């Protein structure tokens, strides 16, 4: 059977189910939005301009999450810069974002020198700014939708920026702030994924922040 026919048999029923699921999930998403878009962040952190915001002129979605880590920015930084697909992983759900390879539980010297322009994400996430012990900015852009058949089916689409910002609180504590911005055409087929994307993004971001904190504090101990 031709590839186009196979894809059609998969895509059309899946699109209908996503559309139906999106309608059912939308009210729940609206209730959860204020909570998950600023999980762990102060009102000032959630509303202020942060490094990486200039990567996208406009965004249909912005989330700012944060956690306090009992360590200095210098101790947190090595765990941030080694993240990535087939690198140290993302300290999140490895089955979905790192081919099932467990995220590193120790520092990897070979990934401690990030370079602007280096692609570290499976979807094309690229390093855009490196300011040691202060911020790491990543971004990608997919003007056209690309359908990916892996661990199910999902689309690469839109433009996104992802910034990891470190702010010292005192001599032994650091605020790790993660700002995620996303933009895409509102009237497009992949937008049917949106309710599931927002929920998945929050669950993964929360797991990542807690995973970083646990690793850093265990090493410090």
Protein backbone atom coordinates (compact mmCIF):
# COMPACT_ATOMS: atom_id res chain seq x y z
CA UNK A 1 0.00 0.00 0.00
CA UNK A 2 1.34 3.41 -0.91
CA UNK A 3 2.70 5.63 1.84
CA UNK A 4 0.20 8.42 1.10
CA UNK A 5 -2.73 6.02 1.48
CA UNK A 6 -1.36 4.68 4.78
CA UNK A 7 -0.88 8.20 6.11
CA UNK A 8 -4.40 9.14 5.04
CA UNK A 9 -5.88 6.15 6.87
CA UNK A 10 -4.03 7.24 10.01
CA UNK A 11 -4.33 11.01 9.77
CA UNK A 12 -8.03 11.50 9.02
CA UNK A 13 -9.46 9.43 11.92
CA UNK A 14 -6.75 10.84 14.20
CA UNK A 15 -7.62 14.40 13.18
CA UNK A 16 -11.28 13.83 14.04
CA UNK A 17 -10.41 12.34 17.42
CA UNK A 18 -8.07 15.25 18.18
CA UNK A 19 -10.74 17.75 17.21
CA UNK A 20 -13.29 16.03 19.45
CA UNK A 21 -10.78 15.67 22.29
CA UNK A 22 -9.76 19.32 21.94
CA UNK A 23 -13.38 20.49 22.29
CA UNK A 24 -13.88 18.36 25.41
CA UNK A 25 -10.55 19.40 26.95
CA UNK A 26 -10.84 23.12 26.19
CA UNK A 27 -12.92 24.13 29.29
CA UNK A 28 -10.54 22.19 31.54
CA UNK A 29 -7.57 23.87 29.85
CA UNK A 30 -9.02 27.33 30.51
CA UNK A 31 -9.40 26.52 34.21
CA UNK A 32 -5.86 25.17 34.49
CA UNK A 33 -4.16 27.87 32.42
CA UNK A 34 -3.50 30.48 35.15
CA UNK A 35 -1.96 27.77 37.32
CA UNK A 36 0.21 25.90 34.84
CA UNK A 37 1.49 28.92 32.88
CA UNK A 38 3.17 30.38 35.97
CA UNK A 39 3.84 27.32 38.10
CA UNK A 40 6.43 28.18 40.75
CA UNK A 41 7.00 31.69 39.38
CA UNK A 42 6.34 34.97 41.19
CA UNK A 43 4.07 37.55 39.48
CA UNK A 44 7.16 39.65 38.73
CA UNK A 45 8.99 36.71 37.11
CA UNK A 46 5.93 35.78 35.06
CA UNK A 47 5.33 39.31 33.73
CA UNK A 48 8.82 40.76 33.29
CA UNK A 49 10.82 40.68 30.04
CA UNK A 50 13.42 37.92 30.09
CA UNK A 51 16.33 36.84 27.86
CA UNK A 52 15.04 35.01 24.79
CA UNK A 53 11.79 36.96 24.47
CA UNK A 54 13.16 38.78 21.42
CA UNK A 55 13.45 35.49 19.52
CA UNK A 56 9.72 35.74 18.69
CA UNK A 57 8.07 39.02 17.74
CA UNK A 58 4.73 37.69 18.96
CA UNK A 59 3.55 34.57 20.76
CA UNK A 60 0.16 32.92 21.08
CA UNK A 61 1.40 31.15 24.20
CA UNK A 62 3.85 32.10 26.93
CA UNK A 63 4.66 30.24 30.12
CA UNK A 64 7.07 31.06 32.94
CA UNK A 65 7.92 28.39 35.47
CA UNK A 66 10.47 28.55 38.26
CA UNK A 67 12.02 26.76 41.21
CA UNK A 68 14.38 27.65 44.03
CA UNK A 69 17.51 25.48 44.18
CA UNK A 70 19.74 25.25 47.23
CA UNK A 71 22.95 25.82 45.32
CA UNK A 72 24.81 28.62 43.55
CA UNK A 73 24.29 29.48 39.85
CA UNK A 74 27.78 28.10 39.23
CA UNK A 75 26.62 24.72 40.56
CA UNK A 76 23.37 24.73 38.57
CA UNK A 77 24.82 25.86 35.24
CA UNK A 78 26.61 22.59 34.25
CA UNK A 79 23.32 20.68 34.50
CA UNK A 80 21.60 23.21 32.23
CA UNK A 81 24.16 23.37 29.43
CA UNK A 82 24.47 19.61 29.00
CA UNK A 83 20.76 19.14 28.30
CA UNK A 84 19.60 17.99 24.90
CA UNK A 85 18.51 15.14 22.67
CA UNK A 86 21.04 12.28 22.84
CA UNK A 87 23.09 14.47 25.19
CA UNK A 88 22.18 14.50 28.89
CA UNK A 89 18.48 14.32 28.03
CA UNK A 90 15.91 16.83 29.29
CA UNK A 91 15.37 15.47 32.83
CA UNK A 92 11.73 15.04 31.84
CA UNK A 93 9.83 12.17 30.21
CA UNK A 94 12.71 10.40 28.49
CA UNK A 95 10.47 7.99 26.59
CA UNK A 96 9.06 10.88 24.58
CA UNK A 97 11.91 13.38 24.30
CA UNK A 98 15.08 11.26 24.37
CA UNK A 99 14.19 7.96 22.65
CA UNK A 100 13.79 6.29 26.04
CA UNK A 101 17.41 6.93 27.01
CA UNK A 102 17.48 7.90 30.71
CA UNK A 103 18.55 11.47 31.45
CA UNK A 104 22.02 11.78 32.94
CA UNK A 105 22.39 11.65 36.71
CA UNK A 106 25.94 13.01 36.62
CA UNK A 107 27.81 15.78 34.80
CA UNK A 108 29.06 15.04 31.28
CA UNK A 109 32.31 16.92 30.47
CA UNK A 110 31.83 16.54 26.71
CA UNK A 111 28.70 18.74 26.80
CA UNK A 112 29.96 21.56 29.02
CA UNK A 113 30.91 23.96 26.22
CA UNK A 114 27.69 24.97 24.40
CA UNK A 115 28.09 26.91 21.15
CA UNK A 116 25.68 29.33 19.51
CA UNK A 117 24.17 27.61 16.47
CA UNK A 118 24.48 24.13 17.92
CA UNK A 119 21.34 22.00 17.43
CA UNK A 120 20.51 20.12 20.63
CA UNK A 121 16.82 19.29 20.18
CA UNK A 122 15.25 16.59 18.03
CA UNK A 123 12.75 19.11 16.65
CA UNK A 124 15.55 21.50 15.64
CA UNK A 125 15.95 23.37 18.92
CA UNK A 126 19.09 25.47 18.48
CA UNK A 127 21.30 27.36 20.91
CA UNK A 128 20.86 31.09 20.31
CA UNK A 129 22.53 32.70 23.32
CA UNK A 130 24.97 31.56 25.99
CA UNK A 131 25.73 33.68 29.03
CA UNK A 132 27.61 31.43 31.49
CA UNK A 133 25.92 30.98 34.89
CA UNK A 134 23.18 33.41 33.80
CA UNK A 135 21.14 32.23 30.82
CA UNK A 136 20.87 29.73 27.99
CA UNK A 137 18.47 30.61 25.14
CA UNK A 138 17.17 28.06 22.62
CA UNK A 139 14.77 28.40 19.70
CA UNK A 140 13.40 26.74 16.57
CA UNK A 141 11.15 27.67 13.66
CA UNK A 142 9.09 25.47 11.33
CA UNK A 143 7.23 27.64 8.79
CA UNK A 144 5.69 24.54 7.21
CA UNK A 145 4.13 21.64 9.05
CA UNK A 146 6.17 18.45 9.08
CA UNK A 147 4.45 15.23 10.19
CA UNK A 148 6.63 12.87 12.20
CA UNK A 149 5.82 9.17 12.54
CA UNK A 150 7.61 8.19 15.75
CA UNK A 151 6.20 7.09 19.09
CA UNK A 152 2.85 7.72 17.42
CA UNK A 153 2.33 10.69 15.11
CA UNK A 154 2.98 14.34 15.91
CA UNK A 155 3.64 17.55 13.96
CA UNK A 156 6.61 19.86 13.89
CA UNK A 157 5.19 23.33 13.37
CA UNK A 158 5.37 26.93 14.51
CA UNK A 159 8.21 28.81 16.19
CA UNK A 160 9.33 28.56 19.78
CA UNK A 161 11.88 29.99 22.20
CA UNK A 162 13.01 28.40 25.44
CA UNK A 163 15.16 30.26 27.96
CA UNK A 164 16.78 29.02 31.16
CA UNK A 165 17.65 31.93 33.46
CA UNK A 166 19.62 31.71 36.70
CA UNK A 167 19.22 34.42 39.35
CA UNK A 168 21.10 34.24 42.68
CA UNK A 169 18.93 34.72 45.75
CA UNK A 170 21.81 34.72 48.23
CA UNK A 171 25.16 32.98 48.63
CA UNK A 172 23.65 29.51 48.61
CA UNK A 173 20.34 29.67 46.71
CA UNK A 174 19.39 30.19 43.06
CA UNK A 175 16.17 30.87 41.22
CA UNK A 176 15.91 28.82 38.03
CA UNK A 177 13.37 30.47 35.71
CA UNK A 178 12.22 28.79 32.50
CA UNK A 179 10.44 30.98 29.92
CA UNK A 180 8.75 29.21 27.02
CA UNK A 181 7.13 31.13 24.12
CA UNK A 182 5.34 29.66 21.11
CA UNK A 183 3.81 31.07 17.96
CA UNK A 184 1.87 29.44 15.12
CA UNK A 185 -1.00 30.12 12.73
CA UNK A 186 -4.22 29.83 14.72
CA UNK A 187 -6.18 28.46 11.76
CA UNK A 188 -4.13 25.40 10.90
CA UNK A 189 -4.52 21.65 11.29
CA UNK A 190 -1.73 21.16 13.85
CA UNK A 191 -3.41 23.61 16.23
CA UNK A 192 -5.82 20.75 17.03
CA UNK A 193 -2.92 19.41 19.11
CA UNK A 194 -2.93 22.52 21.27
CA UNK A 195 -4.93 21.41 24.36
CA UNK A 196 -2.78 18.29 24.59
CA UNK A 197 0.39 20.29 23.95
CA UNK A 198 -0.27 22.73 26.81
CA UNK A 199 -0.98 19.98 29.31
CA UNK A 200 2.00 17.93 28.15
CA UNK A 201 4.26 20.98 28.18
CA UNK A 202 3.38 21.76 31.79
CA UNK A 203 3.84 18.19 33.02
CA UNK A 204 7.20 17.94 31.28
CA UNK A 205 8.39 21.39 32.44
CA UNK A 206 7.47 20.62 36.05
CA UNK A 207 9.25 17.28 35.93
CA UNK A 208 12.29 18.92 34.36
CA UNK A 209 12.56 21.67 36.99
CA UNK A 210 12.21 19.19 39.84
CA UNK A 211 14.68 16.86 38.13
CA UNK A 212 17.29 19.60 37.82
CA UNK A 213 16.81 20.66 41.43
CA UNK A 214 17.13 17.09 42.68
CA UNK A 215 20.32 16.45 40.71
CA UNK A 216 21.98 19.70 41.73
CA UNK A 217 21.14 19.37 45.42
CA UNK A 218 22.19 15.72 45.53
CA UNK A 219 25.53 16.62 44.04
CA UNK A 220 25.95 19.53 46.48
CA UNK A 221 25.14 17.22 49.39
